Amino acid sequence: MRESIEGLILCETVVRDSDKFLTVLTAKYGKISVYASHVRNVRRGSLVYSIPMQYCRFNINKKSDKYYLSDGELLHSFLDLSEDLERFALAQYILDIIREITVENNDEGEMLSLALNTLFVLQKGEKPLPLIKATFEFRVMAQAGYMPDLHRCDFCGKETGEMYLDIMNGRLICTDCQRIRNHAEADREDMATAVIMVHITPSMLKGLRYVLSSEAKRIFSYSIAEDELSNYADVCEKYILNHLERGFDTLDFYKTVVTLPF
């Protein structure tokens, strides 16, 4: 069956001398593997619709559960991000997370929109990279089914003030309740499984709540004070890495790049 479908190329795997497997995120079919033959042929060149970080319209032939690329059309390119090493490194991490979370034969329209929106903001260059990274990490986890409850303290119901985020349980605990819990647990010899608690200020909590509640196209329309941005980004990174229970080489590369002296 021949079909036209739009998708974002997440990565590629070279096969033989001239072919590739493209990992493509689509709204309709989710994450799919598309076989692209002869796209590395010297005579044809590396076709623009067979390169990662491109959003394209593909004409594909679907046979059973396999997809074969016929031809395509470039809709939007993010390749110019490679001109800035920090932005390029962050883009690779974003695509890595999307590839980890999405699955085949699933409606991934929201994930595709989030990926494209994040790359657009990254390409535009008007927001701090730590804010882009943190916003993406927290939102993508919520869309993947790891939505925390940030409405109030899980113990006393307090809604404002200094809080702690219980990362693995996805809940808020105010400083007073946390202090009480710390005293109670100090007297216990058989401590339960360790929890991961991170302190969040009222302005950080406001930012996290905005990321979870805002409409998709406006998730980056907020700011965090410069003196709190590093801690804010650390909270979001801890949240995604602990729930996914793994690290990412692309994240390590990004962190290396941002510390390089330019």
C-alpha atoms as a PDB file:
ATOM      1  CA  MET A   1       0.000   0.000   0.000  1.00  0.00           C
ATOM      2  CA  ARG A   2       1.381   3.383  -1.043  1.00  0.00           C
ATOM      3  CA  GLU A   3       0.852   6.243   1.398  1.00  0.00           C
ATOM      4  CA  SER A   4       2.023   9.812   2.053  1.00  0.00           C
ATOM      5  CA  ILE A   5       2.946  10.547   5.658  1.00  0.00           C
ATOM      6  CA  GLU A   6       4.751  13.310   7.532  1.00  0.00           C
ATOM      7  CA  GLY A   7       7.449  12.630  10.094  1.00  0.00           C
ATOM      8  CA  LEU A   8      10.596  13.774  11.874  1.00  0.00           C
ATOM      9  CA  ILE A   9      13.758  11.767  11.189  1.00  0.00           C
ATOM     10  CA  LEU A  10      15.275  10.895  14.575  1.00  0.00           C
ATOM     11  CA  CYS A  11      18.299   8.891  13.451  1.00  0.00           C
ATOM     12  CA  GLU A  12      19.684   6.696  10.696  1.00  0.00           C
ATOM     13  CA  THR A  13      21.456   3.361  10.405  1.00  0.00           C
ATOM     14  CA  VAL A  14      23.606   2.756   7.341  1.00  0.00           C
ATOM     15  CA  VAL A  15      22.968  -0.532   5.543  1.00  0.00           C
ATOM     16  CA  ARG A  16      25.378  -1.811   2.907  1.00  0.00           C
ATOM     17  CA  ASP A  17      26.932   0.880   0.727  1.00  0.00           C
ATOM     18  CA  SER A  18      23.955   2.922  -0.363  1.00  0.00           C
ATOM     19  CA  ASP A  19      20.953   2.149   1.866  1.00  0.00           C
ATOM     20  CA  LYS A  20      19.702   3.325   5.246  1.00  0.00           C
ATOM     21  CA  PHE A  21      17.151   2.490   7.895  1.00  0.00           C
ATOM     22  CA  LEU A  22      15.539   5.732   9.020  1.00  0.00           C
ATOM     23  CA  THR A  23      13.904   5.970  12.439  1.00  0.00           C
ATOM     24  CA  VAL A  24      11.008   8.341  11.883  1.00  0.00           C
ATOM     25  CA  LEU A  25       8.468   9.733  14.354  1.00  0.00           C
ATOM     26  CA  THR A  26       5.003  10.062  12.822  1.00  0.00           C
ATOM     27  CA  ALA A  27       1.700  11.060  14.371  1.00  0.00           C
ATOM     28  CA  LYS A  28      -0.298   8.203  12.848  1.00  0.00           C
ATOM     29  CA  TYR A  29       2.032   5.218  13.162  1.00  0.00           C
ATOM     30  CA  GLY A  30       4.251   6.360  16.005  1.00  0.00           C
ATOM     31  CA  LYS A  31       7.964   5.581  15.751  1.00  0.00           C
ATOM     32  CA  ILE A  32       8.651   3.573  12.615  1.00  0.00           C
ATOM     33  CA  SER A  33      11.672   2.202  10.797  1.00  0.00           C
ATOM     34  CA  VAL A  34      11.711   3.116   7.109  1.00  0.00           C
ATOM     35  CA  TYR A  35      13.997   1.354   4.650  1.00  0.00           C
ATOM     36  CA  ALA A  36      15.510   3.869   2.231  1.00  0.00           C
ATOM     37  CA  SER A  37      17.351   2.253  -0.644  1.00  0.00           C
ATOM     38  CA  HIS A  38      20.044   3.909  -2.771  1.00  0.00           C
ATOM     39  CA  VAL A  39      19.916   7.191  -0.812  1.00  0.00           C
ATOM     40  CA  ARG A  40      23.692   7.069  -0.289  1.00  0.00           C
ATOM     41  CA  ASN A  41      24.389   6.339  -3.929  1.00  0.00           C
ATOM     42  CA  VAL A  42      26.985   8.750  -5.299  1.00  0.00           C
ATOM     43  CA  ARG A  43      24.917   9.439  -8.384  1.00  0.00           C
ATOM     44  CA  ARG A  44      21.813  10.377  -6.401  1.00  0.00           C
ATOM     45  CA  GLY A  45      23.555  11.961  -3.430  1.00  0.00           C
ATOM     46  CA  SER A  46      22.296  11.842   0.140  1.00  0.00           C
ATOM     47  CA  LEU A  47      18.700  12.875  -0.422  1.00  0.00           C
ATOM     48  CA  VAL A  48      17.534  15.719   1.772  1.00  0.00           C
ATOM     49  CA  TYR A  49      14.519  13.738   2.987  1.00  0.00           C
ATOM     50  CA  SER A  50      16.726  10.930   4.314  1.00  0.00           C
ATOM     51  CA  ILE A  51      18.845  12.929   6.795  1.00  0.00           C
ATOM     52  CA  PRO A  52      18.228  13.121  10.584  1.00  0.00           C
ATOM     53  CA  MET A  53      16.847  16.372  12.038  1.00  0.00           C
ATOM     54  CA  GLN A  54      14.634  16.890   9.003  1.00  0.00           C
ATOM     55  CA  TYR A  55      10.843  17.100   9.034  1.00  0.00           C
ATOM     56  CA  CYS A  56       9.560  15.643   5.782  1.00  0.00           C
ATOM     57  CA  ARG A  57       6.614  14.307   3.863  1.00  0.00           C
ATOM     58  CA  PHE A  58       7.400  10.762   2.825  1.00  0.00           C
ATOM     59  CA  ASN A  59       5.853   8.666   0.112  1.00  0.00           C
ATOM     60  CA  ILE A  60       6.154   5.159   1.441  1.00  0.00           C
ATOM     61  CA  ASN A  61       5.153   1.670   0.465  1.00  0.00           C
ATOM     62  CA  LYS A  62       3.805  -0.290   3.401  1.00  0.00           C
ATOM     63  CA  LYS A  63       4.067  -4.057   3.206  1.00  0.00           C
ATOM     64  CA  SER A  64       2.740  -5.857   6.278  1.00  0.00           C
ATOM     65  CA  ASP A  65       4.449  -3.988   9.131  1.00  0.00           C
ATOM     66  CA  LYS A  66       7.408  -2.799   7.064  1.00  0.00           C
ATOM     67  CA  TYR A  67       7.887   0.593   5.458  1.00  0.00           C
ATOM     68  CA  TYR A  68       9.871   1.354   2.310  1.00  0.00           C
ATOM     69  CA  LEU A  69      10.727   4.868   1.185  1.00  0.00           C
ATOM     70  CA  SER A  70       9.786   5.775  -2.367  1.00  0.00           C
ATOM     71  CA  ASP A  71      10.504   9.509  -2.379  1.00  0.00           C
ATOM     72  CA  GLY A  72       9.736  12.546  -0.290  1.00  0.00           C
ATOM     73  CA  GLU A  73       9.663  16.271   0.264  1.00  0.00           C
ATOM     74  CA  LEU A  74      11.460  18.408   2.831  1.00  0.00           C
ATOM     75  CA  LEU A  75       9.020  20.415   4.973  1.00  0.00           C
ATOM     76  CA  HIS A  76      11.431  21.929   7.495  1.00  0.00           C
ATOM     77  CA  SER A  77      15.121  21.498   8.227  1.00  0.00           C
ATOM     78  CA  PHE A  78      16.824  21.775  11.597  1.00  0.00           C
ATOM     79  CA  LEU A  79      20.279  21.088  10.180  1.00  0.00           C
ATOM     80  CA  ASP A  80      21.412  24.665  10.768  1.00  0.00           C
ATOM     81  CA  LEU A  81      21.532  23.800  14.483  1.00  0.00           C
ATOM     82  CA  SER A  82      24.829  22.076  13.658  1.00  0.00           C
ATOM     83  CA  GLU A  83      26.358  25.551  13.238  1.00  0.00           C
ATOM     84  CA  ASP A  84      26.151  26.013  17.034  1.00  0.00           C
ATOM     85  CA  LEU A  85      27.701  23.084  18.899  1.00  0.00           C
ATOM     86  CA  GLU A  86      25.742  23.613  22.125  1.00  0.00           C
ATOM     87  CA  ARG A  87      22.387  23.810  20.354  1.00  0.00           C
ATOM     88  CA  PHE A  88      23.263  20.865  18.145  1.00  0.00           C
ATOM     89  CA  ALA A  89      24.240  18.774  21.175  1.00  0.00           C
ATOM     90  CA  LEU A  90      20.983  19.621  22.933  1.00  0.00           C
ATOM     91  CA  ALA A  91      19.004  18.766  19.784  1.00  0.00           C
ATOM     92  CA  GLN A  92      20.636  15.331  19.689  1.00  0.00           C
ATOM     93  CA  TYR A  93      19.664  14.735  23.326  1.00  0.00           C
ATOM     94  CA  ILE A  94      16.078  15.797  22.612  1.00  0.00           C
ATOM     95  CA  LEU A  95      15.830  13.372  19.692  1.00  0.00           C
ATOM     96  CA  ASP A  96      17.367  10.642  21.859  1.00  0.00           C
ATOM     97  CA  ILE A  97      14.694  11.114  24.528  1.00  0.00           C
ATOM     98  CA  ILE A  98      11.919  11.089  21.939  1.00  0.00           C
ATOM     99  CA  ARG A  99      13.307   7.897  20.427  1.00  0.00           C
ATOM    100  CA  GLU A 100      13.458   6.295  23.890  1.00  0.00           C
ATOM    101  CA  ILE A 101       9.901   7.177  24.890  1.00  0.00           C
ATOM    102  CA  THR A 102       7.869   6.711  21.699  1.00  0.00           C
ATOM    103  CA  VAL A 103       6.695   3.363  20.343  1.00  0.00           C
ATOM    104  CA  GLU A 104       5.391   1.888  17.094  1.00  0.00           C
ATOM    105  CA  ASN A 105       1.700   1.582  16.215  1.00  0.00           C
ATOM    106  CA  ASN A 106       0.679   4.278  18.667  1.00  0.00           C
ATOM    107  CA  ASP A 107      -0.795   7.748  18.308  1.00  0.00           C
ATOM    108  CA  GLU A 108       2.278   9.919  18.877  1.00  0.00           C
ATOM    109  CA  GLY A 109       0.812  13.196  17.649  1.00  0.00           C
ATOM    110  CA  GLU A 110       1.494  14.985  20.947  1.00  0.00           C
ATOM    111  CA  MET A 111       5.065  13.716  21.093  1.00  0.00           C
ATOM    112  CA  LEU A 112       5.712  14.783  17.513  1.00  0.00           C
ATOM    113  CA  SER A 113       4.314  18.246  18.226  1.00  0.00           C
ATOM    114  CA  LEU A 114       6.466  18.549  21.357  1.00  0.00           C
ATOM    115  CA  ALA A 115       9.612  17.492  19.502  1.00  0.00           C
ATOM    116  CA  LEU A 116       8.992  19.935  16.654  1.00  0.00           C
ATOM    117  CA  ASN A 117       8.033  22.772  18.991  1.00  0.00           C
ATOM    118  CA  THR A 118      11.188  22.254  21.066  1.00  0.00           C
ATOM    119  CA  LEU A 119      13.425  22.181  18.003  1.00  0.00           C
ATOM    120  CA  PHE A 120      11.740  25.317  16.619  1.00  0.00           C
ATOM    121  CA  VAL A 121      12.401  27.180  19.884  1.00  0.00           C
ATOM    122  CA  LEU A 122      15.962  25.877  19.947  1.00  0.00           C
ATOM    123  CA  GLN A 123      16.439  27.017  16.355  1.00  0.00           C
ATOM    124  CA  LYS A 124      14.989  30.458  17.043  1.00  0.00           C
ATOM    125  CA  GLY A 125      17.628  31.069  19.714  1.00  0.00           C
ATOM    126  CA  GLU A 126      15.679  33.402  21.999  1.00  0.00           C
ATOM    127  CA  LYS A 127      15.428  31.210  25.110  1.00  0.00           C
ATOM    128  CA  PRO A 128      18.237  30.038  27.418  1.00  0.00           C
ATOM    129  CA  LEU A 129      19.305  26.483  26.660  1.00  0.00           C
ATOM    130  CA  PRO A 130      18.837  25.279  30.276  1.00  0.00           C
ATOM    131  CA  LEU A 131      15.219  26.508  30.168  1.00  0.00           C
ATOM    132  CA  ILE A 132      14.542  24.772  26.837  1.00  0.00           C
ATOM    133  CA  LYS A 133      16.077  21.546  28.098  1.00  0.00           C
ATOM    134  CA  ALA A 134      14.232  21.603  31.437  1.00  0.00           C
ATOM    135  CA  THR A 135      10.875  22.464  29.884  1.00  0.00           C
ATOM    136  CA  PHE A 136      11.174  19.673  27.357  1.00  0.00           C
ATOM    137  CA  GLU A 137      12.255  17.109  29.971  1.00  0.00           C
ATOM    138  CA  PHE A 138       9.384  17.846  32.347  1.00  0.00           C
ATOM    139  CA  ARG A 139       6.712  18.078  29.658  1.00  0.00           C
ATOM    140  CA  VAL A 140       7.818  14.947  27.817  1.00  0.00           C
ATOM    141  CA  MET A 141       7.632  12.931  31.020  1.00  0.00           C
ATOM    142  CA  ALA A 142       4.131  14.196  31.733  1.00  0.00           C
ATOM    143  CA  GLN A 143       3.018  13.228  28.223  1.00  0.00           C
ATOM    144  CA  ALA A 144       4.658   9.819  28.635  1.00  0.00           C
ATOM    145  CA  GLY A 145       2.527   9.029  31.687  1.00  0.00           C
ATOM    146  CA  TYR A 146       4.757  10.297  34.510  1.00  0.00           C
ATOM    147  CA  MET A 147       2.629  13.334  35.396  1.00  0.00           C
ATOM    148  CA  PRO A 148       3.382  14.477  38.976  1.00  0.00           C
ATOM    149  CA  ASP A 149       0.750  16.027  41.221  1.00  0.00           C
ATOM    150  CA  LEU A 150       1.906  19.578  41.860  1.00  0.00           C
ATOM    151  CA  HIS A 151      -1.343  21.002  43.207  1.00  0.00           C
ATOM    152  CA  ARG A 152      -0.615  20.811  46.934  1.00  0.00           C
ATOM    153  CA  CYS A 153       1.400  19.125  49.680  1.00  0.00           C
ATOM    154  CA  ASP A 154       0.479  15.472  49.706  1.00  0.00           C
ATOM    155  CA  PHE A 155       0.251  15.448  53.510  1.00  0.00           C
ATOM    156  CA  CYS A 156      -1.295  18.721  54.695  1.00  0.00           C
ATOM    157  CA  GLY A 157      -2.742  20.195  51.514  1.00  0.00           C
ATOM    158  CA  LYS A 158      -0.673  23.378  51.572  1.00  0.00           C
ATOM    159  CA  GLU A 159      -0.524  24.873  48.058  1.00  0.00           C
ATOM    160  CA  THR A 160       2.123  27.598  48.269  1.00  0.00           C
ATOM    161  CA  GLY A 161       5.498  28.268  49.854  1.00  0.00           C
ATOM    162  CA  GLU A 162       8.741  26.325  49.940  1.00  0.00           C
ATOM    163  CA  MET A 163       8.268  22.735  48.829  1.00  0.00           C
ATOM    164  CA  TYR A 164      10.078  19.497  48.144  1.00  0.00           C
ATOM    165  CA  LEU A 165       9.395  17.381  45.091  1.00  0.00           C
ATOM    166  CA  ASP A 166       9.319  13.674  45.837  1.00  0.00           C
ATOM    167  CA  ILE A 167      10.594  12.635  42.419  1.00  0.00           C
ATOM    168  CA  MET A 168       9.787   8.935  42.352  1.00  0.00           C
ATOM    169  CA  ASN A 169       6.335   9.346  43.910  1.00  0.00           C
ATOM    170  CA  GLY A 170       5.525  12.424  41.837  1.00  0.00           C
ATOM    171  CA  ARG A 171       4.202  14.523  44.710  1.00  0.00           C
ATOM    172  CA  LEU A 172       4.828  17.709  46.675  1.00  0.00           C
ATOM    173  CA  ILE A 173       5.766  17.823  50.352  1.00  0.00           C
ATOM    174  CA  CYS A 174       5.944  21.172  52.132  1.00  0.00           C
ATOM    175  CA  THR A 175       8.958  22.001  54.284  1.00  0.00           C
ATOM    176  CA  ASP A 176       7.002  21.574  57.548  1.00  0.00           C
ATOM    177  CA  CYS A 177       5.747  18.101  56.639  1.00  0.00           C
ATOM    178  CA  GLN A 178       9.165  17.109  55.371  1.00  0.00           C
ATOM    179  CA  ARG A 179      10.728  18.201  58.650  1.00  0.00           C
ATOM    180  CA  ILE A 180       8.233  16.048  60.567  1.00  0.00           C
ATOM    181  CA  ARG A 181       8.932  13.079  58.291  1.00  0.00           C
ATOM    182  CA  ASN A 182      12.670  13.477  58.737  1.00  0.00           C
ATOM    183  CA  HIS A 183      12.347  13.361  62.532  1.00  0.00           C
ATOM    184  CA  ALA A 184      10.105  10.290  62.365  1.00  0.00           C
ATOM    185  CA  GLU A 185      12.411   8.431  60.003  1.00  0.00           C
ATOM    186  CA  ALA A 186      15.471   9.271  62.072  1.00  0.00           C
ATOM    187  CA  ASP A 187      14.117   7.029  64.835  1.00  0.00           C
ATOM    188  CA  ARG A 188      13.555   4.093  62.481  1.00  0.00           C
ATOM    189  CA  GLU A 189      16.201   1.411  62.164  1.00  0.00           C
ATOM    190  CA  ASP A 190      14.671  -0.241  59.098  1.00  0.00           C
ATOM    191  CA  MET A 191      14.599   2.656  56.657  1.00  0.00           C
ATOM    192  CA  ALA A 192      12.356   2.108  53.656  1.00  0.00           C
ATOM    193  CA  THR A 193      13.596   2.425  50.122  1.00  0.00           C
ATOM    194  CA  ALA A 194      15.389   5.743  49.767  1.00  0.00           C
ATOM    195  CA  VAL A 195      13.391   8.542  48.197  1.00  0.00           C
ATOM    196  CA  ILE A 196      14.749  11.327  46.027  1.00  0.00           C
ATOM    197  CA  MET A 197      13.725  14.708  47.375  1.00  0.00           C
ATOM    198  CA  VAL A 198      14.632  18.004  45.727  1.00  0.00           C
ATOM    199  CA  HIS A 199      13.920  21.442  47.101  1.00  0.00           C
ATOM    200  CA  ILE A 200      11.894  23.807  44.909  1.00  0.00           C
ATOM    201  CA  THR A 201      11.221  27.478  45.538  1.00  0.00           C
ATOM    202  CA  PRO A 202       7.808  29.088  44.952  1.00  0.00           C
ATOM    203  CA  SER A 203       8.959  30.542  41.612  1.00  0.00           C
ATOM    204  CA  MET A 204      10.334  27.170  40.496  1.00  0.00           C
ATOM    205  CA  LEU A 205       7.045  25.503  41.441  1.00  0.00           C
ATOM    206  CA  LYS A 206       5.186  28.134  39.426  1.00  0.00           C
ATOM    207  CA  GLY A 207       7.352  27.295  36.410  1.00  0.00           C
ATOM    208  CA  LEU A 208       6.809  23.544  36.748  1.00  0.00           C
ATOM    209  CA  ARG A 209       3.072  24.016  37.095  1.00  0.00           C
ATOM    210  CA  TYR A 210       3.046  26.168  33.978  1.00  0.00           C
ATOM    211  CA  VAL A 211       4.888  23.517  31.956  1.00  0.00           C
ATOM    212  CA  LEU A 212       2.312  20.896  32.932  1.00  0.00           C
ATOM    213  CA  SER A 213      -0.801  23.013  32.426  1.00  0.00           C
ATOM    214  CA  SER A 214      -0.105  25.279  29.455  1.00  0.00           C
ATOM    215  CA  GLU A 215      -1.254  24.520  25.935  1.00  0.00           C
ATOM    216  CA  ALA A 216       1.306  22.771  23.766  1.00  0.00           C
ATOM    217  CA  LYS A 217       2.302  25.774  21.660  1.00  0.00           C
ATOM    218  CA  ARG A 218       2.942  27.979  24.693  1.00  0.00           C
ATOM    219  CA  ILE A 219       4.984  25.764  26.999  1.00  0.00           C
ATOM    220  CA  PHE A 220       8.105  27.889  26.471  1.00  0.00           C
ATOM    221  CA  SER A 221       6.314  31.213  27.071  1.00  0.00           C
ATOM    222  CA  TYR A 222       7.636  31.739  30.598  1.00  0.00           C
ATOM    223  CA  SER A 223      10.903  32.485  32.347  1.00  0.00           C
ATOM    224  CA  ILE A 224      12.869  31.507  35.434  1.00  0.00           C
ATOM    225  CA  ALA A 225      15.108  33.917  37.298  1.00  0.00           C
ATOM    226  CA  GLU A 226      18.730  33.536  36.290  1.00  0.00           C
ATOM    227  CA  ASP A 227      19.873  32.758  39.836  1.00  0.00           C
ATOM    228  CA  GLU A 228      17.394  29.849  40.027  1.00  0.00           C
ATOM    229  CA  LEU A 229      17.654  28.496  36.493  1.00  0.00           C
ATOM    230  CA  SER A 230      20.488  26.067  37.239  1.00  0.00           C
ATOM    231  CA  ASN A 231      18.605  24.472  40.154  1.00  0.00           C
ATOM    232  CA  TYR A 232      15.388  24.425  38.138  1.00  0.00           C
ATOM    233  CA  ALA A 233      17.116  22.599  35.290  1.00  0.00           C
ATOM    234  CA  ASP A 234      18.657  20.152  37.765  1.00  0.00           C
ATOM    235  CA  VAL A 235      15.214  19.263  39.140  1.00  0.00           C
ATOM    236  CA  CYS A 236      13.836  18.492  35.673  1.00  0.00           C
ATOM    237  CA  GLU A 237      16.881  16.453  34.720  1.00  0.00           C
ATOM    238  CA  LYS A 238      16.679  14.394  37.906  1.00  0.00           C
ATOM    239  CA  TYR A 239      12.995  13.775  37.241  1.00  0.00           C
ATOM    240  CA  ILE A 240      13.476  12.340  33.762  1.00  0.00           C
ATOM    241  CA  LEU A 241      16.644  10.346  34.413  1.00  0.00           C
ATOM    242  CA  ASN A 242      15.335   8.672  37.560  1.00  0.00           C
ATOM    243  CA  HIS A 243      12.024   7.700  35.992  1.00  0.00           C
ATOM    244  CA  LEU A 244      13.640   6.381  32.820  1.00  0.00           C
ATOM    245  CA  GLU A 245      16.306   4.682  34.979  1.00  0.00           C
ATOM    246  CA  ARG A 246      19.114   5.301  32.527  1.00  0.00           C
ATOM    247  CA  GLY A 247      21.580   7.892  31.311  1.00  0.00           C
ATOM    248  CA  PHE A 248      22.205   9.179  27.803  1.00  0.00           C
ATOM    249  CA  ASP A 249      25.490   9.617  25.969  1.00  0.00           C
ATOM    250  CA  THR A 250      23.981  12.615  24.186  1.00  0.00           C
ATOM    251  CA  LEU A 251      23.315  14.257  27.564  1.00  0.00           C
ATOM    252  CA  ASP A 252      26.915  13.648  28.617  1.00  0.00           C
ATOM    253  CA  PHE A 253      28.073  15.175  25.329  1.00  0.00           C
ATOM    254  CA  TYR A 254      25.866  18.223  25.833  1.00  0.00           C
ATOM    255  CA  LYS A 255      27.248  18.764  29.335  1.00  0.00           C
ATOM    256  CA  THR A 256      30.785  18.481  28.015  1.00  0.00           C
ATOM    257  CA  VAL A 257      30.104  20.988  25.274  1.00  0.00           C
ATOM    258  CA  VAL A 258      28.549  23.638  27.520  1.00  0.00           C
ATOM    259  CA  THR A 259      31.633  23.603  29.751  1.00  0.00           C
ATOM    260  CA  LEU A 260      34.093  24.076  26.894  1.00  0.00           C
ATOM    261  CA  PRO A 261      35.873  27.444  26.783  1.00  0.00           C
ATOM    262  CA  PHE A 262      35.000  29.282  23.589  1.00  0.00           C
END
